[in-house]
Amino acid sequence: MFDTKEELIEFLKKKNFQKRIDKLAKKYANKKVMIYGAGMGFLAVKENYDLSKLNIIGIADKKFDNDGEFMGYKTYTPDSFMSQKPDIVLIGMIDPDIAESFFEEELYPEFGKFKHEFLIKLSIFDLIKMLFK
């Protein structure tokens, strides 16, 4: 999809991504938000956009343990973040299918279905355009 963080940042700029963040902040006002995935996608967003209106209670990733901090957020393992009872999980990964498979196979059986959506939303048009670039 994106070979470099710079390519992703350029894509987000073209999409006026702060609007997306502002819509999410309004939609989830006063809700506990957990970020799932701390790779290139989330880094590009965090370093270039204002997330302060989102009530982010932590970030989960397989590279984290439960007592650390990353970019100002408390860290959680993928198996433990649901103990914080987030109202919404925003998937910060560029390829959200990996997260959705993990949720379905590992977390839903234990915690039931929970509300989640993609932080970086790609349209069908975006995906097709990327295939032919």
N, C-alpha and C. Protein backbone atom coordinates (compact mmCIF):
# COMPACT_ATOMS: atom_id res chain seq x y z
N MET A 1 0.82 -1.19 0.00
CA MET A 1 0.00 0.00 0.00
C MET A 1 0.86 1.26 0.00
N PHE A 2 1.53 1.47 1.12
CA PHE A 2 2.44 2.62 1.23
C PHE A 2 3.82 2.06 1.57
N ASP A 3 4.79 2.41 0.76
CA ASP A 3 6.14 1.90 0.99
C ASP A 3 6.86 2.67 2.09
N THR A 4 6.51 3.94 2.25
CA THR A 4 7.19 4.76 3.25
C THR A 4 6.17 5.57 4.05
N LYS A 5 6.62 6.01 5.20
CA LYS A 5 5.77 6.88 6.01
C LYS A 5 5.49 8.18 5.28
N GLU A 6 6.46 8.67 4.52
CA GLU A 6 6.30 9.92 3.78
C GLU A 6 5.17 9.80 2.75
N GLU A 7 5.08 8.64 2.07
CA GLU A 7 3.99 8.41 1.11
C GLU A 7 2.64 8.46 1.83
N LEU A 8 2.58 7.83 2.98
CA LEU A 8 1.34 7.83 3.76
C LEU A 8 0.99 9.24 4.22
N ILE A 9 1.96 9.99 4.69
CA ILE A 9 1.72 11.37 5.14
C ILE A 9 1.18 12.21 3.99
N GLU A 10 1.76 12.05 2.80
CA GLU A 10 1.29 12.79 1.63
C GLU A 10 -0.16 12.41 1.30
N PHE A 11 -0.48 11.13 1.37
CA PHE A 11 -1.85 10.67 1.14
C PHE A 11 -2.80 11.30 2.15
N LEU A 12 -2.43 11.30 3.43
CA LEU A 12 -3.28 11.87 4.48
C LEU A 12 -3.49 13.37 4.27
N LYS A 13 -2.45 14.07 3.84
CA LYS A 13 -2.58 15.51 3.56
C LYS A 13 -3.60 15.74 2.45
N LYS A 14 -3.51 14.95 1.39
CA LYS A 14 -4.44 15.09 0.26
C LYS A 14 -5.87 14.83 0.70
N LYS A 15 -6.04 13.97 1.67
CA LYS A 15 -7.37 13.61 2.16
C LYS A 15 -7.87 14.56 3.26
N ASN A 16 -7.08 15.59 3.59
CA ASN A 16 -7.43 16.51 4.67
C ASN A 16 -7.79 15.72 5.93
N PHE A 17 -6.84 14.92 6.38
CA PHE A 17 -7.08 13.93 7.42
C PHE A 17 -7.51 14.51 8.76
N GLN A 18 -7.17 15.75 9.05
CA GLN A 18 -7.60 16.34 10.32
C GLN A 18 -9.13 16.36 10.42
N LYS A 19 -9.80 16.49 9.28
CA LYS A 19 -11.27 16.43 9.27
C LYS A 19 -11.75 15.08 9.81
N ARG A 20 -11.08 14.02 9.40
CA ARG A 20 -11.43 12.67 9.87
C ARG A 20 -11.26 12.59 11.39
N ILE A 21 -10.15 13.10 11.88
CA ILE A 21 -9.90 13.09 13.33
C ILE A 21 -10.99 13.90 14.05
N ASP A 22 -11.32 15.07 13.52
CA ASP A 22 -12.33 15.91 14.16
C ASP A 22 -13.70 15.23 14.17
N LYS A 23 -14.05 14.53 13.09
CA LYS A 23 -15.32 13.79 13.05
C LYS A 23 -15.33 12.67 14.09
N LEU A 24 -14.21 11.96 14.19
CA LEU A 24 -14.12 10.90 15.19
C LEU A 24 -14.24 11.47 16.60
N ALA A 25 -13.60 12.60 16.84
CA ALA A 25 -13.64 13.24 18.16
C ALA A 25 -15.07 13.64 18.51
N LYS A 26 -15.79 14.14 17.54
CA LYS A 26 -17.18 14.53 17.79
C LYS A 26 -18.05 13.29 18.01
N LYS A 27 -17.86 12.30 17.17
CA LYS A 27 -18.64 11.05 17.25
C LYS A 27 -18.42 10.34 18.58
N TYR A 28 -17.18 10.37 19.07
CA TYR A 28 -16.84 9.64 20.30
C TYR A 28 -16.50 10.58 21.45
N ALA A 29 -17.16 11.72 21.48
CA ALA A 29 -16.96 12.66 22.59
C ALA A 29 -17.32 11.97 23.90
N ASN A 30 -16.50 12.15 24.91
CA ASN A 30 -16.70 11.56 26.24
C ASN A 30 -16.69 10.03 26.25
N LYS A 31 -16.09 9.43 25.24
CA LYS A 31 -15.96 7.97 25.17
C LYS A 31 -14.49 7.60 25.36
N LYS A 32 -14.26 6.42 25.92
CA LYS A 32 -12.89 5.93 26.10
C LYS A 32 -12.44 5.27 24.81
N VAL A 33 -11.34 5.80 24.26
CA VAL A 33 -10.81 5.35 22.98
C VAL A 33 -9.51 4.58 23.20
N MET A 34 -9.42 3.39 22.61
CA MET A 34 -8.19 2.61 22.62
C MET A 34 -7.69 2.54 21.18
N ILE A 35 -6.41 2.76 20.99
CA ILE A 35 -5.80 2.60 19.67
C ILE A 35 -5.23 1.20 19.59
N TYR A 36 -5.48 0.51 18.49
CA TYR A 36 -4.91 -0.82 18.28
C TYR A 36 -3.97 -0.73 17.09
N GLY A 37 -2.69 -0.92 17.35
CA GLY A 37 -1.68 -0.87 16.30
C GLY A 37 -0.83 0.38 16.39
N ALA A 38 0.47 0.20 16.57
CA ALA A 38 1.37 1.34 16.76
C ALA A 38 2.46 1.37 15.69
N GLY A 39 2.11 0.97 14.51
CA GLY A 39 3.08 0.94 13.43
C GLY A 39 3.11 2.24 12.65
N MET A 40 3.52 2.13 11.39
CA MET A 40 3.70 3.29 10.54
C MET A 40 2.43 4.13 10.42
N GLY A 41 1.27 3.49 10.33
CA GLY A 41 0.02 4.22 10.18
C GLY A 41 -0.24 5.15 11.36
N PHE A 42 -0.18 4.60 12.56
CA PHE A 42 -0.44 5.43 13.73
C PHE A 42 0.65 6.49 13.90
N LEU A 43 1.90 6.13 13.66
CA LEU A 43 2.99 7.10 13.79
C LEU A 43 2.79 8.30 12.85
N ALA A 44 2.39 8.04 11.61
CA ALA A 44 2.17 9.12 10.66
C ALA A 44 1.06 10.04 11.15
N VAL A 45 0.01 9.46 11.71
CA VAL A 45 -1.10 10.26 12.22
C VAL A 45 -0.67 11.04 13.46
N LYS A 46 -0.08 10.38 14.41
CA LYS A 46 0.29 11.02 15.68
C LYS A 46 1.28 12.16 15.47
N GLU A 47 2.23 11.98 14.57
CA GLU A 47 3.27 12.98 14.36
C GLU A 47 2.78 14.18 13.54
N ASN A 48 1.63 14.05 12.86
CA ASN A 48 1.21 15.11 11.94
C ASN A 48 -0.18 15.68 12.19
N TYR A 49 -0.91 15.11 13.13
CA TYR A 49 -2.28 15.55 13.36
C TYR A 49 -2.57 15.68 14.85
N ASP A 50 -3.58 16.48 15.15
CA ASP A 50 -3.96 16.75 16.54
C ASP A 50 -4.99 15.72 17.00
N LEU A 51 -4.59 14.85 17.90
CA LEU A 51 -5.47 13.82 18.44
C LEU A 51 -6.01 14.20 19.82
N SER A 52 -5.74 15.40 20.27
CA SER A 52 -6.04 15.79 21.64
C SER A 52 -7.53 15.79 21.98
N LYS A 53 -8.39 15.88 20.97
CA LYS A 53 -9.82 15.88 21.25
C LYS A 53 -10.38 14.47 21.43
N LEU A 54 -9.58 13.46 21.13
CA LEU A 54 -9.98 12.08 21.37
C LEU A 54 -9.54 11.69 22.78
N ASN A 55 -10.38 11.03 23.53
CA ASN A 55 -10.05 10.57 24.87
C ASN A 55 -9.33 9.22 24.78
N ILE A 56 -8.08 9.26 24.34
CA ILE A 56 -7.31 8.03 24.14
C ILE A 56 -6.78 7.55 25.49
N ILE A 57 -7.23 6.36 25.89
CA ILE A 57 -6.84 5.80 27.19
C ILE A 57 -5.62 4.89 27.09
N GLY A 58 -5.22 4.54 25.87
CA GLY A 58 -4.05 3.69 25.71
C GLY A 58 -3.89 3.24 24.28
N ILE A 59 -2.81 2.48 24.08
CA ILE A 59 -2.51 1.95 22.76
C ILE A 59 -2.02 0.51 22.92
N ALA A 60 -2.55 -0.37 22.10
CA ALA A 60 -2.21 -1.79 22.17
C ALA A 60 -1.44 -2.20 20.92
N ASP A 61 -0.41 -3.01 21.13
CA ASP A 61 0.38 -3.52 20.02
C ASP A 61 1.15 -4.72 20.53
N LYS A 62 1.48 -5.64 19.62
CA LYS A 62 2.20 -6.84 20.03
C LYS A 62 3.60 -6.54 20.54
N LYS A 63 4.13 -5.37 20.22
CA LYS A 63 5.48 -5.02 20.69
C LYS A 63 5.49 -4.40 22.09
N PHE A 64 4.32 -4.23 22.69
CA PHE A 64 4.22 -3.57 24.00
C PHE A 64 3.99 -4.56 25.14
N ASP A 65 4.29 -4.06 26.35
CA ASP A 65 3.85 -4.76 27.55
C ASP A 65 2.83 -3.85 28.23
N ASN A 66 2.37 -4.25 29.40
CA ASN A 66 1.27 -3.53 30.04
C ASN A 66 1.70 -2.42 30.99
N ASP A 67 2.95 -2.14 31.11
CA ASP A 67 3.33 -1.09 32.06
C ASP A 67 4.25 -0.05 31.44
N GLY A 68 4.13 0.11 30.15
CA GLY A 68 4.98 1.08 29.47
C GLY A 68 4.21 2.29 28.99
N GLU A 69 4.92 3.09 28.21
CA GLU A 69 4.33 4.29 27.62
C GLU A 69 4.90 4.45 26.23
N PHE A 70 4.06 4.90 25.31
CA PHE A 70 4.47 5.12 23.93
C PHE A 70 3.80 6.39 23.42
N MET A 71 4.60 7.36 23.05
CA MET A 71 4.12 8.63 22.52
C MET A 71 3.08 9.28 23.46
N GLY A 72 3.31 9.10 24.75
CA GLY A 72 2.44 9.72 25.74
C GLY A 72 1.23 8.89 26.14
N TYR A 73 1.09 7.69 25.60
CA TYR A 73 -0.05 6.83 25.93
C TYR A 73 0.40 5.58 26.68
N LYS A 74 -0.43 5.12 27.60
CA LYS A 74 -0.16 3.87 28.31
C LYS A 74 -0.25 2.73 27.31
N THR A 75 0.64 1.76 27.45
CA THR A 75 0.69 0.65 26.50
C THR A 75 0.04 -0.61 27.07
N TYR A 76 -0.48 -1.42 26.14
CA TYR A 76 -1.13 -2.69 26.48
C TYR A 76 -0.75 -3.74 25.45
N THR A 77 -0.80 -4.98 25.86
CA THR A 77 -0.62 -6.08 24.93
C THR A 77 -1.95 -6.29 24.20
N PRO A 78 -1.90 -6.94 23.03
CA PRO A 78 -3.15 -7.21 22.32
C PRO A 78 -4.14 -8.06 23.13
N ASP A 79 -3.63 -8.89 24.02
CA ASP A 79 -4.50 -9.75 24.82
C ASP A 79 -5.10 -9.05 26.03
N SER A 80 -4.58 -7.88 26.41
CA SER A 80 -5.00 -7.28 27.67
C SER A 80 -5.77 -5.97 27.56
N PHE A 81 -5.73 -5.33 26.41
CA PHE A 81 -6.31 -3.98 26.35
C PHE A 81 -7.81 -3.93 26.62
N MET A 82 -8.52 -5.01 26.35
CA MET A 82 -9.97 -5.02 26.57
C MET A 82 -10.33 -4.94 28.05
N SER A 83 -9.37 -5.23 28.92
CA SER A 83 -9.63 -5.10 30.36
C SER A 83 -9.90 -3.64 30.75
N GLN A 84 -9.53 -2.70 29.89
CA GLN A 84 -9.76 -1.27 30.14
C GLN A 84 -11.17 -0.84 29.73
N LYS A 85 -11.91 -1.76 29.14
CA LYS A 85 -13.29 -1.51 28.71
C LYS A 85 -13.44 -0.24 27.85
N PRO A 86 -12.72 -0.19 26.74
CA PRO A 86 -12.87 0.98 25.86
C PRO A 86 -14.26 1.00 25.22
N ASP A 87 -14.75 2.20 24.97
CA ASP A 87 -16.03 2.34 24.27
C ASP A 87 -15.86 2.12 22.77
N ILE A 88 -14.66 2.44 22.27
CA ILE A 88 -14.36 2.26 20.85
C ILE A 88 -12.87 1.92 20.71
N VAL A 89 -12.58 1.02 19.79
CA VAL A 89 -11.19 0.69 19.45
C VAL A 89 -10.95 1.22 18.04
N LEU A 90 -10.00 2.13 17.91
CA LEU A 90 -9.63 2.65 16.60
C LEU A 90 -8.41 1.87 16.11
N ILE A 91 -8.56 1.23 14.97
CA ILE A 91 -7.47 0.44 14.41
C ILE A 91 -6.53 1.38 13.68
N GLY A 92 -5.31 1.50 14.20
CA GLY A 92 -4.32 2.41 13.65
C GLY A 92 -3.42 1.80 12.61
N MET A 93 -3.73 0.58 12.20
CA MET A 93 -2.89 -0.13 11.22
C MET A 93 -3.31 0.24 9.80
N ILE A 94 -2.37 0.22 8.90
CA ILE A 94 -2.69 0.48 7.50
C ILE A 94 -3.47 -0.69 6.92
N ASP A 95 -3.13 -1.91 7.33
CA ASP A 95 -3.86 -3.09 6.88
C ASP A 95 -4.72 -3.59 8.04
N PRO A 96 -5.94 -3.10 8.14
CA PRO A 96 -6.78 -3.44 9.29
C PRO A 96 -7.29 -4.87 9.30
N ASP A 97 -7.14 -5.61 8.18
CA ASP A 97 -7.61 -6.99 8.14
C ASP A 97 -6.90 -7.84 9.19
N ILE A 98 -5.64 -7.55 9.45
CA ILE A 98 -4.88 -8.30 10.46
C ILE A 98 -5.54 -8.13 11.82
N ALA A 99 -5.90 -6.90 12.16
CA ALA A 99 -6.55 -6.64 13.45
C ALA A 99 -7.92 -7.29 13.51
N GLU A 100 -8.70 -7.16 12.46
CA GLU A 100 -10.04 -7.73 12.47
C GLU A 100 -10.00 -9.25 12.63
N SER A 101 -9.05 -9.91 11.98
CA SER A 101 -8.90 -11.37 12.14
C SER A 101 -8.57 -11.71 13.58
N PHE A 102 -7.65 -10.96 14.18
CA PHE A 102 -7.27 -11.18 15.58
C PHE A 102 -8.47 -10.98 16.50
N PHE A 103 -9.23 -9.92 16.26
CA PHE A 103 -10.41 -9.66 17.09
C PHE A 103 -11.38 -10.83 17.00
N GLU A 104 -11.68 -11.28 15.78
CA GLU A 104 -12.65 -12.36 15.58
C GLU A 104 -12.17 -13.68 16.19
N GLU A 105 -10.91 -14.01 16.00
CA GLU A 105 -10.41 -15.30 16.45
C GLU A 105 -10.05 -15.34 17.94
N GLU A 106 -9.52 -14.25 18.45
CA GLU A 106 -9.00 -14.26 19.82
C GLU A 106 -9.83 -13.48 20.84
N LEU A 107 -10.31 -12.31 20.46
CA LEU A 107 -10.96 -11.45 21.45
C LEU A 107 -12.48 -11.62 21.54
N TYR A 108 -13.16 -11.76 20.41
CA TYR A 108 -14.62 -11.92 20.45
C TYR A 108 -15.04 -13.12 21.31
N PRO A 109 -14.37 -14.28 21.17
CA PRO A 109 -14.79 -15.41 22.01
C PRO A 109 -14.71 -15.11 23.52
N GLU A 110 -13.75 -14.30 23.91
CA GLU A 110 -13.57 -14.00 25.33
C GLU A 110 -14.38 -12.78 25.78
N PHE A 111 -14.42 -11.73 24.97
CA PHE A 111 -15.03 -10.46 25.38
C PHE A 111 -16.34 -10.14 24.66
N GLY A 112 -16.70 -10.92 23.68
CA GLY A 112 -17.86 -10.59 22.85
C GLY A 112 -17.47 -9.53 21.83
N LYS A 113 -18.38 -9.28 20.92
CA LYS A 113 -18.10 -8.26 19.90
C LYS A 113 -18.01 -6.90 20.57
N PHE A 114 -17.17 -6.05 20.03
CA PHE A 114 -17.01 -4.70 20.56
C PHE A 114 -16.89 -3.74 19.39
N LYS A 115 -17.17 -2.49 19.67
CA LYS A 115 -17.17 -1.46 18.64
C LYS A 115 -15.74 -1.12 18.24
N HIS A 116 -15.50 -1.14 16.95
CA HIS A 116 -14.19 -0.74 16.42
C HIS A 116 -14.38 -0.17 15.03
N GLU A 117 -13.43 0.66 14.65
CA GLU A 117 -13.40 1.18 13.28
C GLU A 117 -11.97 1.57 12.94
N PHE A 118 -11.77 1.86 11.66
CA PHE A 118 -10.44 2.18 11.18
C PHE A 118 -10.13 3.65 11.43
N LEU A 119 -8.94 3.91 11.91
CA LEU A 119 -8.49 5.28 12.05
C LEU A 119 -8.22 5.86 10.66
N ILE A 120 -7.48 5.11 9.86
CA ILE A 120 -7.19 5.52 8.48
C ILE A 120 -8.12 4.72 7.57
N LYS A 121 -9.09 5.41 7.03
CA LYS A 121 -10.11 4.77 6.21
C LYS A 121 -9.73 4.93 4.74
N LEU A 122 -9.61 3.82 4.04
CA LEU A 122 -9.30 3.85 2.61
C LEU A 122 -10.55 3.47 1.83
N SER A 123 -10.90 4.27 0.84
CA SER A 123 -12.06 3.96 0.01
C SER A 123 -11.65 2.93 -1.05
N ILE A 124 -12.65 2.35 -1.68
CA ILE A 124 -12.39 1.42 -2.78
C ILE A 124 -11.60 2.14 -3.87
N PHE A 125 -11.96 3.38 -4.13
CA PHE A 125 -11.27 4.19 -5.14
C PHE A 125 -9.79 4.35 -4.77
N ASP A 126 -9.52 4.62 -3.49
CA ASP A 126 -8.12 4.76 -3.02
C ASP A 126 -7.35 3.47 -3.26
N LEU A 127 -7.96 2.35 -2.92
CA LEU A 127 -7.30 1.06 -3.07
C LEU A 127 -6.99 0.74 -4.54
N ILE A 128 -7.95 1.00 -5.41
CA ILE A 128 -7.76 0.75 -6.83
C ILE A 128 -6.66 1.66 -7.38
N LYS A 129 -6.71 2.91 -6.98
CA LYS A 129 -5.69 3.87 -7.42
C LYS A 129 -4.29 3.41 -7.02
N MET A 130 -4.16 2.89 -5.80
CA MET A 130 -2.86 2.42 -5.31
C MET A 130 -2.38 1.20 -6.08
N LEU A 131 -3.30 0.34 -6.50
CA LEU A 131 -2.92 -0.84 -7.27
C LEU A 131 -2.27 -0.48 -8.60
N PHE A 132 -2.71 0.62 -9.17
CA PHE A 132 -2.22 1.00 -10.50
C PHE A 132 -1.17 2.10 -10.49
N LYS A 133 -0.63 2.43 -9.32
CA LYS A 133 0.39 3.49 -9.31
C LYS A 133 1.76 2.96 -9.64
